[in-house]
Amino acid sequence: MPMQQNELERLIKEAFPDATIEIRDLAGDGDHYAAHVVSGAFKGKSRVEQHQMVYSALKGQMGDVLHALALTTAIPQD
């Protein structure tokens, strides 16, 4: 069963309450999303570490319920 877009956003927001999140369903099938996540929690982290943090927030559903996620991350600009 595909992951609903609101569930994806909920999991990320749960881990990063300050986050600004933009999600797009790339194929209209609930299996292929693009997400842009901006959070202060990423400050001082490498891009790889930031992505690992987001994947961790998905609680093991990446590669299972969620097939593909084109992920970009950033820290808030002052």
PDB file of N, CA and C in Angstrom:
ATOM      1  N   MET A   1       0.850  -1.184   0.000  1.00  0.00           N
ATOM      2  CA  MET A   1       0.000   0.000   0.000  1.00  0.00           C
ATOM      3  C   MET A   1       0.888   1.238   0.000  1.00  0.00           C
ATOM      4  N   PRO A   2       0.654   2.166  -0.891  1.00  0.00           N
ATOM      5  CA  PRO A   2       1.461   3.388  -0.969  1.00  0.00           C
ATOM      6  C   PRO A   2       1.286   4.266   0.272  1.00  0.00           C
ATOM      7  N   MET A   3       2.261   5.115   0.486  1.00  0.00           N
ATOM      8  CA  MET A   3       2.197   6.058   1.599  1.00  0.00           C
ATOM      9  C   MET A   3       1.461   7.314   1.141  1.00  0.00           C
ATOM     10  N   GLN A   4       0.535   7.763   1.941  1.00  0.00           N
ATOM     11  CA  GLN A   4      -0.176   8.992   1.642  1.00  0.00           C
ATOM     12  C   GLN A   4       0.734  10.189   1.890  1.00  0.00           C
ATOM     13  N   GLN A   5       0.572  11.219   1.098  1.00  0.00           N
ATOM     14  CA  GLN A   5       1.394  12.414   1.215  1.00  0.00           C
ATOM     15  C   GLN A   5       1.289  13.036   2.612  1.00  0.00           C
ATOM     16  N   ASN A   6       0.092  13.072   3.171  1.00  0.00           N
ATOM     17  CA  ASN A   6      -0.067  13.667   4.504  1.00  0.00           C
ATOM     18  C   ASN A   6       0.634  12.842   5.576  1.00  0.00           C
ATOM     19  N   GLU A   7       0.744  11.526   5.391  1.00  0.00           N
ATOM     20  CA  GLU A   7       1.460  10.680   6.343  1.00  0.00           C
ATOM     21  C   GLU A   7       2.964  10.952   6.264  1.00  0.00           C
ATOM     22  N   LEU A   8       3.472  11.116   5.069  1.00  0.00           N
ATOM     23  CA  LEU A   8       4.879  11.461   4.880  1.00  0.00           C
ATOM     24  C   LEU A   8       5.187  12.775   5.580  1.00  0.00           C
ATOM     25  N   GLU A   9       4.350  13.765   5.357  1.00  0.00           N
ATOM     26  CA  GLU A   9       4.548  15.065   5.997  1.00  0.00           C
ATOM     27  C   GLU A   9       4.437  14.967   7.522  1.00  0.00           C
ATOM     28  N   ARG A  10       3.491  14.176   8.010  1.00  0.00           N
ATOM     29  CA  ARG A  10       3.311  14.018   9.459  1.00  0.00           C
ATOM     30  C   ARG A  10       4.556  13.423  10.118  1.00  0.00           C
ATOM     31  N   LEU A  11       5.129  12.398   9.510  1.00  0.00           N
ATOM     32  CA  LEU A  11       6.319  11.756  10.073  1.00  0.00           C
ATOM     33  C   LEU A  11       7.504  12.728  10.129  1.00  0.00           C
ATOM     34  N   ILE A  12       7.677  13.497   9.072  1.00  0.00           N
ATOM     35  CA  ILE A  12       8.782  14.459   9.044  1.00  0.00           C
ATOM     36  C   ILE A  12       8.534  15.557  10.070  1.00  0.00           C
ATOM     37  N   LYS A  13       7.320  16.064  10.137  1.00  0.00           N
ATOM     38  CA  LYS A  13       6.982  17.152  11.063  1.00  0.00           C
ATOM     39  C   LYS A  13       7.108  16.686  12.513  1.00  0.00           C
ATOM     40  N   GLU A  14       6.807  15.427  12.763  1.00  0.00           N
ATOM     41  CA  GLU A  14       6.933  14.854  14.102  1.00  0.00           C
ATOM     42  C   GLU A  14       8.393  14.898  14.567  1.00  0.00           C
ATOM     43  N   ALA A  15       9.303  14.618  13.654  1.00  0.00           N
ATOM     44  CA  ALA A  15      10.736  14.607  13.984  1.00  0.00           C
ATOM     45  C   ALA A  15      11.345  16.001  13.982  1.00  0.00           C
ATOM     46  N   PHE A  16      10.789  16.887  13.150  1.00  0.00           N
ATOM     47  CA  PHE A  16      11.318  18.247  12.996  1.00  0.00           C
ATOM     48  C   PHE A  16      10.167  19.249  13.109  1.00  0.00           C
ATOM     49  N   PRO A  17       9.728  19.540  14.335  1.00  0.00           N
ATOM     50  CA  PRO A  17       8.559  20.412  14.518  1.00  0.00           C
ATOM     51  C   PRO A  17       8.700  21.797  13.890  1.00  0.00           C
ATOM     52  N   ASP A  18       9.938  22.287  13.749  1.00  0.00           N
ATOM     53  CA  ASP A  18      10.152  23.624  13.177  1.00  0.00           C
ATOM     54  C   ASP A  18      10.206  23.611  11.651  1.00  0.00           C
ATOM     55  N   ALA A  19      10.095  22.439  11.053  1.00  0.00           N
ATOM     56  CA  ALA A  19      10.349  22.287   9.620  1.00  0.00           C
ATOM     57  C   ALA A  19       9.299  22.950   8.743  1.00  0.00           C
ATOM     58  N   THR A  20       9.795  23.471   7.636  1.00  0.00           N
ATOM     59  CA  THR A  20       8.962  23.860   6.507  1.00  0.00           C
ATOM     60  C   THR A  20       9.123  22.729   5.505  1.00  0.00           C
ATOM     61  N   ILE A  21       8.016  22.161   5.078  1.00  0.00           N
ATOM     62  CA  ILE A  21       8.062  20.961   4.242  1.00  0.00           C
ATOM     63  C   ILE A  21       7.244  21.186   2.979  1.00  0.00           C
ATOM     64  N   GLU A  22       7.853  20.885   1.846  1.00  0.00           N
ATOM     65  CA  GLU A  22       7.149  20.901   0.560  1.00  0.00           C
ATOM     66  C   GLU A  22       7.254  19.501  -0.026  1.00  0.00           C
ATOM     67  N   ILE A  23       6.122  18.912  -0.345  1.00  0.00           N
ATOM     68  CA  ILE A  23       6.103  17.554  -0.887  1.00  0.00           C
ATOM     69  C   ILE A  23       5.325  17.544  -2.200  1.00  0.00           C
ATOM     70  N   ARG A  24       5.893  16.856  -3.182  1.00  0.00           N
ATOM     71  CA  ARG A  24       5.218  16.674  -4.475  1.00  0.00           C
ATOM     72  C   ARG A  24       5.163  15.182  -4.796  1.00  0.00           C
ATOM     73  N   ASP A  25       4.020  14.727  -5.249  1.00  0.00           N
ATOM     74  CA  ASP A  25       3.869  13.348  -5.714  1.00  0.00           C
ATOM     75  C   ASP A  25       4.321  13.344  -7.173  1.00  0.00           C
ATOM     76  N   LEU A  26       5.438  12.736  -7.445  1.00  0.00           N
ATOM     77  CA  LEU A  26       6.061  12.811  -8.765  1.00  0.00           C
ATOM     78  C   LEU A  26       5.357  11.990  -9.835  1.00  0.00           C
ATOM     79  N   ALA A  27       4.728  10.882  -9.434  1.00  0.00           N
ATOM     80  CA  ALA A  27       4.131   9.999 -10.432  1.00  0.00           C
ATOM     81  C   ALA A  27       2.627   9.817 -10.237  1.00  0.00           C
ATOM     82  N   GLY A  28       2.068  10.420  -9.197  1.00  0.00           N
ATOM     83  CA  GLY A  28       0.641  10.275  -8.930  1.00  0.00           C
ATOM     84  C   GLY A  28       0.259   8.920  -8.382  1.00  0.00           C
ATOM     85  N   ASP A  29       1.270   8.162  -7.913  1.00  0.00           N
ATOM     86  CA  ASP A  29       1.004   6.810  -7.437  1.00  0.00           C
ATOM     87  C   ASP A  29       1.234   6.615  -5.937  1.00  0.00           C
ATOM     88  N   GLY A  30       1.635   7.677  -5.238  1.00  0.00           N
ATOM     89  CA  GLY A  30       1.890   7.560  -3.805  1.00  0.00           C
ATOM     90  C   GLY A  30       3.157   6.798  -3.471  1.00  0.00           C
ATOM     91  N   ASP A  31       3.952   6.488  -4.457  1.00  0.00           N
ATOM     92  CA  ASP A  31       5.195   5.747  -4.243  1.00  0.00           C
ATOM     93  C   ASP A  31       6.442   6.561  -4.574  1.00  0.00           C
ATOM     94  N   HIS A  32       6.272   7.659  -5.286  1.00  0.00           N
ATOM     95  CA  HIS A  32       7.404   8.458  -5.752  1.00  0.00           C
ATOM     96  C   HIS A  32       7.171   9.920  -5.402  1.00  0.00           C
ATOM     97  N   TYR A  33       7.884  10.397  -4.405  1.00  0.00           N
ATOM     98  CA  TYR A  33       7.717  11.763  -3.935  1.00  0.00           C
ATOM     99  C   TYR A  33       9.017  12.551  -4.053  1.00  0.00           C
ATOM    100  N   ALA A  34       8.863  13.859  -4.105  1.00  0.00           N
ATOM    101  CA  ALA A  34       9.979  14.783  -3.926  1.00  0.00           C
ATOM    102  C   ALA A  34       9.642  15.588  -2.675  1.00  0.00           C
ATOM    103  N   ALA A  35      10.614  15.747  -1.808  1.00  0.00           N
ATOM    104  CA  ALA A  35      10.394  16.509  -0.583  1.00  0.00           C
ATOM    105  C   ALA A  35      11.543  17.490  -0.377  1.00  0.00           C
ATOM    106  N   HIS A  36      11.176  18.702   0.014  1.00  0.00           N
ATOM    107  CA  HIS A  36      12.146  19.727   0.384  1.00  0.00           C
ATOM    108  C   HIS A  36      11.860  20.061   1.842  1.00  0.00           C
ATOM    109  N   VAL A  37      12.853  19.831   2.709  1.00  0.00           N
ATOM    110  CA  VAL A  37      12.674  20.019   4.143  1.00  0.00           C
ATOM    111  C   VAL A  37      13.681  21.052   4.635  1.00  0.00           C
ATOM    112  N   VAL A  38      13.177  22.091   5.288  1.00  0.00           N
ATOM    113  CA  VAL A  38      14.023  23.139   5.859  1.00  0.00           C
ATOM    114  C   VAL A  38      13.838  23.088   7.376  1.00  0.00           C
ATOM    115  N   SER A  39      14.949  22.882   8.111  1.00  0.00           N
ATOM    116  CA  SER A  39      14.869  22.783   9.562  1.00  0.00           C
ATOM    117  C   SER A  39      16.165  23.258  10.209  1.00  0.00           C
ATOM    118  N   GLY A  40      16.031  23.923  11.331  1.00  0.00           N
ATOM    119  CA  GLY A  40      17.194  24.335  12.112  1.00  0.00           C
ATOM    120  C   GLY A  40      17.964  23.149  12.667  1.00  0.00           C
ATOM    121  N   ALA A  41      17.323  21.985  12.755  1.00  0.00           N
ATOM    122  CA  ALA A  41      17.988  20.781  13.256  1.00  0.00           C
ATOM    123  C   ALA A  41      19.132  20.339  12.349  1.00  0.00           C
ATOM    124  N   PHE A  42      19.137  20.818  11.115  1.00  0.00           N
ATOM    125  CA  PHE A  42      20.174  20.437  10.158  1.00  0.00           C
ATOM    126  C   PHE A  42      21.455  21.271  10.295  1.00  0.00           C
ATOM    127  N   LYS A  43      21.395  22.319  11.103  1.00  0.00           N
ATOM    128  CA  LYS A  43      22.559  23.206  11.229  1.00  0.00           C
ATOM    129  C   LYS A  43      23.782  22.430  11.716  1.00  0.00           C
ATOM    130  N   GLY A  44      24.897  22.626  11.015  1.00  0.00           N
ATOM    131  CA  GLY A  44      26.148  21.967  11.362  1.00  0.00           C
ATOM    132  C   GLY A  44      26.260  20.536  10.870  1.00  0.00           C
ATOM    133  N   LYS A  45      25.243  20.057  10.188  1.00  0.00           N
ATOM    134  CA  LYS A  45      25.250  18.688   9.665  1.00  0.00           C
ATOM    135  C   LYS A  45      25.582  18.706   8.177  1.00  0.00           C
ATOM    136  N   SER A  46      26.261  17.664   7.723  1.00  0.00           N
ATOM    137  CA  SER A  46      26.530  17.532   6.289  1.00  0.00           C
ATOM    138  C   SER A  46      25.219  17.188   5.575  1.00  0.00           C
ATOM    139  N   ARG A  47      25.201  17.332   4.280  1.00  0.00           N
ATOM    140  CA  ARG A  47      24.006  17.001   3.493  1.00  0.00           C
ATOM    141  C   ARG A  47      23.631  15.534   3.707  1.00  0.00           C
ATOM    142  N   VAL A  48      24.617  14.658   3.727  1.00  0.00           N
ATOM    143  CA  VAL A  48      24.357  13.235   3.950  1.00  0.00           C
ATOM    144  C   VAL A  48      23.722  13.027   5.326  1.00  0.00           C
ATOM    145  N   GLU A  49      24.249  13.674   6.354  1.00  0.00           N
ATOM    146  CA  GLU A  49      23.679  13.553   7.700  1.00  0.00           C
ATOM    147  C   GLU A  49      22.251  14.085   7.749  1.00  0.00           C
ATOM    148  N   GLN A  50      21.996  15.184   7.050  1.00  0.00           N
ATOM    149  CA  GLN A  50      20.649  15.748   7.000  1.00  0.00           C
ATOM    150  C   GLN A  50      19.672  14.744   6.386  1.00  0.00           C
ATOM    151  N   HIS A  51      20.080  14.135   5.300  1.00  0.00           N
ATOM    152  CA  HIS A  51      19.219  13.162   4.628  1.00  0.00           C
ATOM    153  C   HIS A  51      19.008  11.938   5.507  1.00  0.00           C
ATOM    154  N   GLN A  52      20.050  11.496   6.183  1.00  0.00           N
ATOM    155  CA  GLN A  52      19.918  10.364   7.102  1.00  0.00           C
ATOM    156  C   GLN A  52      18.928  10.680   8.213  1.00  0.00           C
ATOM    157  N   MET A  53      18.933  11.913   8.685  1.00  0.00           N
ATOM    158  CA  MET A  53      17.988  12.334   9.726  1.00  0.00           C
ATOM    159  C   MET A  53      16.549  12.229   9.234  1.00  0.00           C
ATOM    160  N   VAL A  54      16.311  12.659   8.003  1.00  0.00           N
ATOM    161  CA  VAL A  54      14.960  12.583   7.441  1.00  0.00           C
ATOM    162  C   VAL A  54      14.566  11.127   7.226  1.00  0.00           C
ATOM    163  N   TYR A  55      15.455  10.317   6.668  1.00  0.00           N
ATOM    164  CA  TYR A  55      15.137   8.903   6.457  1.00  0.00           C
ATOM    165  C   TYR A  55      14.832   8.223   7.785  1.00  0.00           C
ATOM    166  N   SER A  56      15.568   8.581   8.825  1.00  0.00           N
ATOM    167  CA  SER A  56      15.314   8.030  10.153  1.00  0.00           C
ATOM    168  C   SER A  56      13.922   8.410  10.648  1.00  0.00           C
ATOM    169  N   ALA A  57      13.493   9.632  10.337  1.00  0.00           N
ATOM    170  CA  ALA A  57      12.162  10.096  10.741  1.00  0.00           C
ATOM    171  C   ALA A  57      11.062   9.273  10.076  1.00  0.00           C
ATOM    172  N   LEU A  58      11.368   8.628   8.953  1.00  0.00           N
ATOM    173  CA  LEU A  58      10.368   7.831   8.245  1.00  0.00           C
ATOM    174  C   LEU A  58      10.178   6.452   8.865  1.00  0.00           C
ATOM    175  N   LYS A  59      10.920   6.172   9.912  1.00  0.00           N
ATOM    176  CA  LYS A  59      10.738   4.970  10.743  1.00  0.00           C
ATOM    177  C   LYS A  59      10.757   3.670   9.935  1.00  0.00           C
ATOM    178  N   GLY A  60      11.743   3.541   9.067  1.00  0.00           N
ATOM    179  CA  GLY A  60      11.934   2.294   8.330  1.00  0.00           C
ATOM    180  C   GLY A  60      10.994   2.086   7.152  1.00  0.00           C
ATOM    181  N   GLN A  61      10.188   3.072   6.814  1.00  0.00           N
ATOM    182  CA  GLN A  61       9.238   2.898   5.718  1.00  0.00           C
ATOM    183  C   GLN A  61       9.840   3.201   4.347  1.00  0.00           C
ATOM    184  N   MET A  62      11.023   3.834   4.326  1.00  0.00           N
ATOM    185  CA  MET A  62      11.686   4.119   3.055  1.00  0.00           C
ATOM    186  C   MET A  62      12.139   2.802   2.447  1.00  0.00           C
ATOM    187  N   GLY A  63      11.791   2.582   1.184  1.00  0.00           N
ATOM    188  CA  GLY A  63      12.156   1.343   0.506  1.00  0.00           C
ATOM    189  C   GLY A  63      11.124   0.245   0.708  1.00  0.00           C
ATOM    190  N   ASP A  64      10.156   0.477   1.589  1.00  0.00           N
ATOM    191  CA  ASP A  64       9.100  -0.496   1.842  1.00  0.00           C
ATOM    192  C   ASP A  64       7.771   0.106   1.388  1.00  0.00           C
ATOM    193  N   VAL A  65       7.133   0.844   2.257  1.00  0.00           N
ATOM    194  CA  VAL A  65       5.876   1.513   1.910  1.00  0.00           C
ATOM    195  C   VAL A  65       6.141   2.664   0.939  1.00  0.00           C
ATOM    196  N   LEU A  66       7.237   3.344   1.148  1.00  0.00           N
ATOM    197  CA  LEU A  66       7.622   4.468   0.295  1.00  0.00           C
ATOM    198  C   LEU A  66       8.755   4.007  -0.611  1.00  0.00           C
ATOM    199  N   HIS A  67       8.495   3.958  -1.905  1.00  0.00           N
ATOM    200  CA  HIS A  67       9.461   3.410  -2.858  1.00  0.00           C
ATOM    201  C   HIS A  67      10.598   4.380  -3.175  1.00  0.00           C
ATOM    202  N   ALA A  68      10.270   5.662  -3.418  1.00  0.00           N
ATOM    203  CA  ALA A  68      11.298   6.610  -3.842  1.00  0.00           C
ATOM    204  C   ALA A  68      11.012   7.994  -3.271  1.00  0.00           C
ATOM    205  N   LEU A  69      12.089   8.627  -2.805  1.00  0.00           N
ATOM    206  CA  LEU A  69      11.978   9.979  -2.279  1.00  0.00           C
ATOM    207  C   LEU A  69      13.153  10.802  -2.774  1.00  0.00           C
ATOM    208  N   ALA A  70      12.866  11.772  -3.639  1.00  0.00           N
ATOM    209  CA  ALA A  70      13.884  12.723  -4.091  1.00  0.00           C
ATOM    210  C   ALA A  70      13.923  13.811  -3.022  1.00  0.00           C
ATOM    211  N   LEU A  71      14.973  13.811  -2.235  1.00  0.00           N
ATOM    212  CA  LEU A  71      15.034  14.641  -1.033  1.00  0.00           C
ATOM    213  C   LEU A  71      16.041  15.775  -1.181  1.00  0.00           C
ATOM    214  N   THR A  72      15.611  16.964  -0.806  1.00  0.00           N
ATOM    215  CA  THR A  72      16.521  18.095  -0.639  1.00  0.00           C
ATOM    216  C   THR A  72      16.282  18.651   0.756  1.00  0.00           C
ATOM    217  N   THR A  73      17.358  19.106   1.389  1.00  0.00           N
ATOM    218  CA  THR A  73      17.272  19.651   2.738  1.00  0.00           C
ATOM    219  C   THR A  73      18.037  20.956   2.792  1.00  0.00           C
ATOM    220  N   ALA A  74      17.671  21.779   3.775  1.00  0.00           N
ATOM    221  CA  ALA A  74      18.353  23.064   3.948  1.00  0.00           C
ATOM    222  C   ALA A  74      18.124  23.547   5.382  1.00  0.00           C
ATOM    223  N   ILE A  75      18.966  24.494   5.781  1.00  0.00           N
ATOM    224  CA  ILE A  75      18.749  25.164   7.062  1.00  0.00           C
ATOM    225  C   ILE A  75      18.061  26.492   6.777  1.00  0.00           C
ATOM    226  N   PRO A  76      17.277  26.999   7.720  1.00  0.00           N
ATOM    227  CA  PRO A  76      16.592  28.282   7.487  1.00  0.00           C
ATOM    228  C   PRO A  76      17.596  29.403   7.269  1.00  0.00           C
ATOM    229  N   GLN A  77      17.254  30.299   6.366  1.00  0.00           N
ATOM    230  CA  GLN A  77      18.077  31.473   6.123  1.00  0.00           C
ATOM    231  C   GLN A  77      17.585  32.604   7.016  1.00  0.00           C
ATOM    232  N   ASP A  78      18.492  33.257   7.687  1.00  0.00           N
ATOM    233  CA  ASP A  78      18.108  34.358   8.594  1.00  0.00           C
ATOM    234  C   ASP A  78      17.699  35.594   7.832  1.00  0.00           C
TER     235      ASP A  78
END
